[in-house]
Amino acid sequence: MGAEVIKVERLGGEETRYHGPWVRKQSAYWVQYNTGKKSLSIDMRKDEAKEILSSLIKVSDVLVQNFRPGTIENMGFGYDVLKELNPRMIMVNVSAFGQFGPYRENIGYDPIGQTMSGITMVTGEEGDPPILTGVPIIDRMTALHAAIGTLTALHERELSGEGQSIDVCLADTGYGMTEIPITAYHGTKQAPKRGRTGAPPGGTYPCKGGNVL
């Protein structure tokens, strides 16, 4: 979309640089999600690194961070500090369970988001154990939510001239995707059934030429 993106990493690079599969001696995982980005490795324990990050914040539009809630504040870069450096700054906070609430300090990743939101219990057939989806759908959808929130904040900033802090989390993404099973459970106190919907034309049907979805 034309943005200049600078990924700030720890010294040696962040861990997905070393995730397989490998293509031409590069992590295919890393290339998939970081093509076109610039990168910078700094040690945030050093004052010089903090000065570098401060200088970037002053000339940037958006900062996206996915530390556990409270961590970036302890580093000295909470939203109040960002506003002092750049009143138009938009801060996007991505976490497992949000910046507030009883689970805020818990870390998490896609399988935890799927499990806590009930996706693993509505996937598969009756009698199956909890099943993850074939792709990390919570990670992907949370990224989309973060992008949508960022674009909305950028538009609002054009009207108000001010930035804002955005809270995006894996759990909210999962709950949004299971809104019908959750609502049905609260209304009926019965767990949703897994498997085929039983409501044609939805479903998978074995036919002479193979399965039809």
Protein backbone atom coordinates (compact mmCIF):
# COMPACT_ATOMS: atom_id res chain seq x y z
CA MET A 1 0.00 0.00 0.00
CA GLY A 2 3.01 2.25 -0.37
CA ALA A 3 4.10 2.48 3.26
CA GLU A 4 7.75 2.55 4.26
CA VAL A 5 8.01 -0.18 6.92
CA ILE A 6 11.00 -0.51 9.24
CA LYS A 7 11.06 -3.69 11.32
CA VAL A 8 12.98 -3.13 14.55
CA GLU A 9 14.55 -6.40 15.70
CA ARG A 10 16.74 -7.67 18.48
CA LEU A 11 20.44 -8.17 17.79
CA GLY A 12 20.88 -11.13 15.45
CA GLY A 13 17.37 -10.70 14.06
CA GLU A 14 14.05 -12.01 15.31
CA GLU A 15 13.50 -15.74 15.56
CA THR A 16 11.40 -16.28 12.42
CA ARG A 17 14.50 -15.56 10.35
CA TYR A 18 15.53 -19.06 11.39
CA HIS A 19 12.23 -20.87 10.75
CA GLY A 20 11.97 -23.41 7.92
CA PRO A 21 11.26 -24.30 5.22
CA TRP A 22 14.41 -22.99 3.53
CA VAL A 23 14.59 -21.69 -0.02
CA ARG A 24 17.93 -20.47 -1.44
CA LYS A 25 19.35 -20.43 2.10
CA GLN A 26 16.58 -18.11 3.31
CA SER A 27 13.61 -18.79 5.55
CA ALA A 28 10.55 -18.97 3.30
CA TYR A 29 8.48 -18.01 6.35
CA TRP A 30 10.52 -14.85 6.86
CA VAL A 31 10.44 -13.86 3.19
CA GLN A 32 6.66 -14.36 3.01
CA TYR A 33 5.93 -11.87 5.77
CA ASN A 34 8.80 -9.41 5.50
CA THR A 35 9.44 -8.84 1.79
CA GLY A 36 9.73 -5.13 1.08
CA LYS A 37 10.40 -4.15 4.69
CA LYS A 38 13.52 -2.42 5.90
CA SER A 39 15.09 -3.78 9.08
CA LEU A 40 17.08 -2.48 12.02
CA SER A 41 18.68 -4.51 14.83
CA ILE A 42 19.26 -2.73 18.14
CA ASP A 43 19.74 -3.63 21.81
CA MET A 44 16.97 -1.83 23.71
CA ARG A 45 18.94 -2.14 26.94
CA LYS A 46 21.36 0.48 25.61
CA ASP A 47 20.69 4.23 25.76
CA GLU A 48 21.96 4.67 22.21
CA ALA A 49 19.33 2.22 20.95
CA LYS A 50 16.58 4.12 22.76
CA GLU A 51 17.77 7.35 21.14
CA ILE A 52 17.59 5.69 17.71
CA LEU A 53 14.05 4.47 18.35
CA SER A 54 13.01 7.91 19.65
CA SER A 55 14.30 9.54 16.48
CA LEU A 56 12.28 7.09 14.36
CA ILE A 57 9.12 7.73 16.38
CA LYS A 58 9.40 11.47 15.80
CA VAL A 59 9.16 11.03 12.01
CA SER A 60 6.83 8.01 11.81
CA ASP A 61 3.07 7.63 11.54
CA VAL A 62 2.50 4.26 13.20
CA LEU A 63 4.26 2.05 15.73
CA VAL A 64 3.16 -1.61 15.92
CA GLN A 65 4.33 -3.64 18.92
CA ASN A 66 3.48 -7.11 20.22
CA PHE A 67 5.21 -7.29 23.58
CA ARG A 68 3.35 -8.61 26.60
CA PRO A 69 1.26 -5.75 28.11
CA GLY A 70 3.39 -3.49 30.27
CA THR A 71 6.70 -4.45 28.66
CA ILE A 72 7.03 -1.53 26.27
CA GLU A 73 6.09 0.85 29.10
CA ASN A 74 8.93 -0.60 31.17
CA MET A 75 11.25 0.06 28.22
CA GLY A 76 10.24 3.71 28.38
CA PHE A 77 8.07 3.79 25.26
CA GLY A 78 4.48 3.66 26.47
CA TYR A 79 1.84 5.65 24.61
CA ASP A 80 2.18 8.68 26.89
CA VAL A 81 5.87 8.90 25.95
CA LEU A 82 5.09 8.40 22.26
CA LYS A 83 2.59 11.28 22.36
CA GLU A 84 5.26 13.57 23.79
CA LEU A 85 7.66 12.60 21.00
CA ASN A 86 5.02 12.73 18.26
CA PRO A 87 1.44 13.88 19.02
CA ARG A 88 0.24 12.38 15.72
CA MET A 89 1.65 8.92 16.47
CA ILE A 90 -0.68 5.92 16.19
CA MET A 91 0.32 3.02 18.44
CA VAL A 92 -0.99 -0.46 17.61
CA ASN A 93 -0.72 -2.93 20.48
CA VAL A 94 -1.10 -6.60 19.51
CA SER A 95 -1.27 -9.22 22.28
CA ALA A 96 -2.91 -12.50 23.23
CA PHE A 97 -5.65 -11.19 25.54
CA GLY A 98 -5.56 -7.41 25.28
CA GLN A 99 -4.02 -4.61 27.31
CA PHE A 100 -6.60 -4.84 30.11
CA GLY A 101 -8.41 -7.58 32.03
CA PRO A 102 -7.51 -10.65 34.11
CA TYR A 103 -5.65 -12.46 31.30
CA ARG A 104 -3.63 -9.47 30.07
CA GLU A 105 -0.27 -10.78 31.31
CA ASN A 106 -0.65 -14.20 29.69
CA ILE A 107 1.33 -14.78 26.53
CA GLY A 108 -0.22 -16.61 23.61
CA TYR A 109 -0.10 -17.51 19.97
CA ASP A 110 -2.47 -18.89 17.34
CA PRO A 111 -3.31 -22.31 18.90
CA ILE A 112 -4.12 -20.65 22.24
CA GLY A 113 -6.36 -18.11 20.50
CA GLN A 114 -8.18 -20.91 18.68
CA THR A 115 -8.61 -22.93 21.86
CA MET A 116 -9.70 -20.10 24.17
CA SER A 117 -12.29 -18.87 21.67
CA GLY A 118 -13.74 -22.34 21.05
CA ILE A 119 -12.67 -22.72 17.42
CA THR A 120 -11.01 -26.06 18.19
CA MET A 121 -14.32 -27.38 19.54
CA VAL A 122 -16.39 -26.49 16.47
CA THR A 123 -13.84 -27.87 13.99
CA GLY A 124 -13.95 -31.50 12.88
CA GLU A 125 -16.58 -34.16 13.55
CA GLU A 126 -18.49 -35.17 16.68
CA GLY A 127 -16.28 -37.32 18.90
CA ASP A 128 -13.02 -35.86 17.60
CA PRO A 129 -10.53 -34.32 20.04
CA PRO A 130 -10.05 -30.53 19.82
CA ILE A 131 -8.75 -29.76 16.31
CA LEU A 132 -6.81 -26.74 15.08
CA THR A 133 -7.66 -25.30 11.69
CA GLY A 134 -5.32 -26.21 8.84
CA VAL A 135 -3.77 -22.73 8.81
CA PRO A 136 -3.04 -20.27 11.67
CA ILE A 137 -6.26 -18.38 11.07
CA ILE A 138 -6.17 -16.40 14.33
CA ASP A 139 -2.75 -14.95 13.57
CA ARG A 140 -3.81 -13.95 10.08
CA MET A 141 -7.16 -12.43 11.07
CA THR A 142 -5.64 -10.54 14.00
CA ALA A 143 -3.16 -8.99 11.56
CA LEU A 144 -6.09 -7.91 9.39
CA HIS A 145 -7.84 -6.40 12.42
CA ALA A 146 -4.66 -4.48 13.23
CA ALA A 147 -4.45 -3.21 9.65
CA ILE A 148 -8.11 -2.15 9.64
CA GLY A 149 -7.68 -0.38 12.97
CA THR A 150 -4.57 1.39 11.70
CA LEU A 151 -6.28 2.62 8.54
CA THR A 152 -9.26 3.83 10.57
CA ALA A 153 -6.97 5.69 12.97
CA LEU A 154 -5.09 7.29 10.08
CA HIS A 155 -8.38 8.51 8.62
CA GLU A 156 -9.52 9.85 11.99
CA ARG A 157 -6.19 11.63 12.40
CA GLU A 158 -6.83 13.52 9.17
CA LEU A 159 -9.94 14.93 10.85
CA SER A 160 -8.67 15.53 14.39
CA GLY A 161 -4.92 15.91 13.89
CA GLU A 162 -4.29 13.54 16.79
CA GLY A 163 -3.00 9.99 17.08
CA GLN A 164 -4.37 7.23 19.27
CA SER A 165 -3.57 3.88 20.88
CA ILE A 166 -5.21 0.74 19.43
CA ASP A 167 -5.74 -2.54 21.32
CA VAL A 168 -5.88 -5.70 19.16
CA CYS A 169 -5.74 -9.24 20.53
CA LEU A 170 -5.92 -12.87 19.44
CA ALA A 171 -8.79 -13.68 21.80
CA ASP A 172 -11.08 -10.97 20.39
CA THR A 173 -10.37 -12.24 16.89
CA GLY A 174 -11.42 -15.75 17.87
CA TYR A 175 -14.56 -14.60 19.65
CA GLY A 176 -15.56 -12.58 16.61
CA MET A 177 -15.24 -15.68 14.44
CA THR A 178 -17.31 -17.87 16.79
CA GLU A 179 -20.04 -15.32 17.48
CA ILE A 180 -22.89 -17.63 16.40
CA PRO A 181 -21.82 -20.71 18.45
CA ILE A 182 -21.15 -18.50 21.49
CA THR A 183 -24.49 -16.71 21.19
CA ALA A 184 -26.31 -20.02 20.68
CA TYR A 185 -24.64 -21.51 23.75
CA HIS A 186 -25.60 -18.57 25.95
CA GLY A 187 -29.17 -18.83 24.71
CA THR A 188 -29.63 -22.61 24.87
CA LYS A 189 -26.87 -23.76 27.28
CA GLN A 190 -26.05 -26.47 24.74
CA ALA A 191 -22.66 -26.89 23.13
CA PRO A 192 -22.76 -26.46 19.33
CA LYS A 193 -22.60 -29.65 17.29
CA ARG A 194 -19.53 -30.30 15.20
CA GLY A 195 -19.39 -31.58 11.66
CA ARG A 196 -21.73 -31.12 8.73
CA THR A 197 -24.31 -28.37 8.92
CA GLY A 198 -27.19 -30.54 7.70
CA ALA A 199 -28.52 -27.51 5.87
CA PRO A 200 -28.15 -27.92 2.08
CA PRO A 201 -26.60 -26.60 -0.05
CA GLY A 202 -23.89 -26.16 2.59
CA GLY A 203 -21.69 -29.16 3.31
CA THR A 204 -19.48 -31.72 1.61
CA TYR A 205 -21.17 -34.29 -0.64
CA PRO A 206 -19.54 -37.42 -2.12
CA CYS A 207 -20.33 -37.56 -5.83
CA LYS A 208 -19.30 -39.80 -8.73
CA GLY A 209 -16.53 -37.43 -9.78
CA GLY A 210 -15.30 -36.81 -6.22
CA ASN A 211 -16.34 -34.70 -3.26
CA VAL A 212 -18.30 -31.52 -3.91
CA LEU A 213 -18.19 -28.70 -1.38
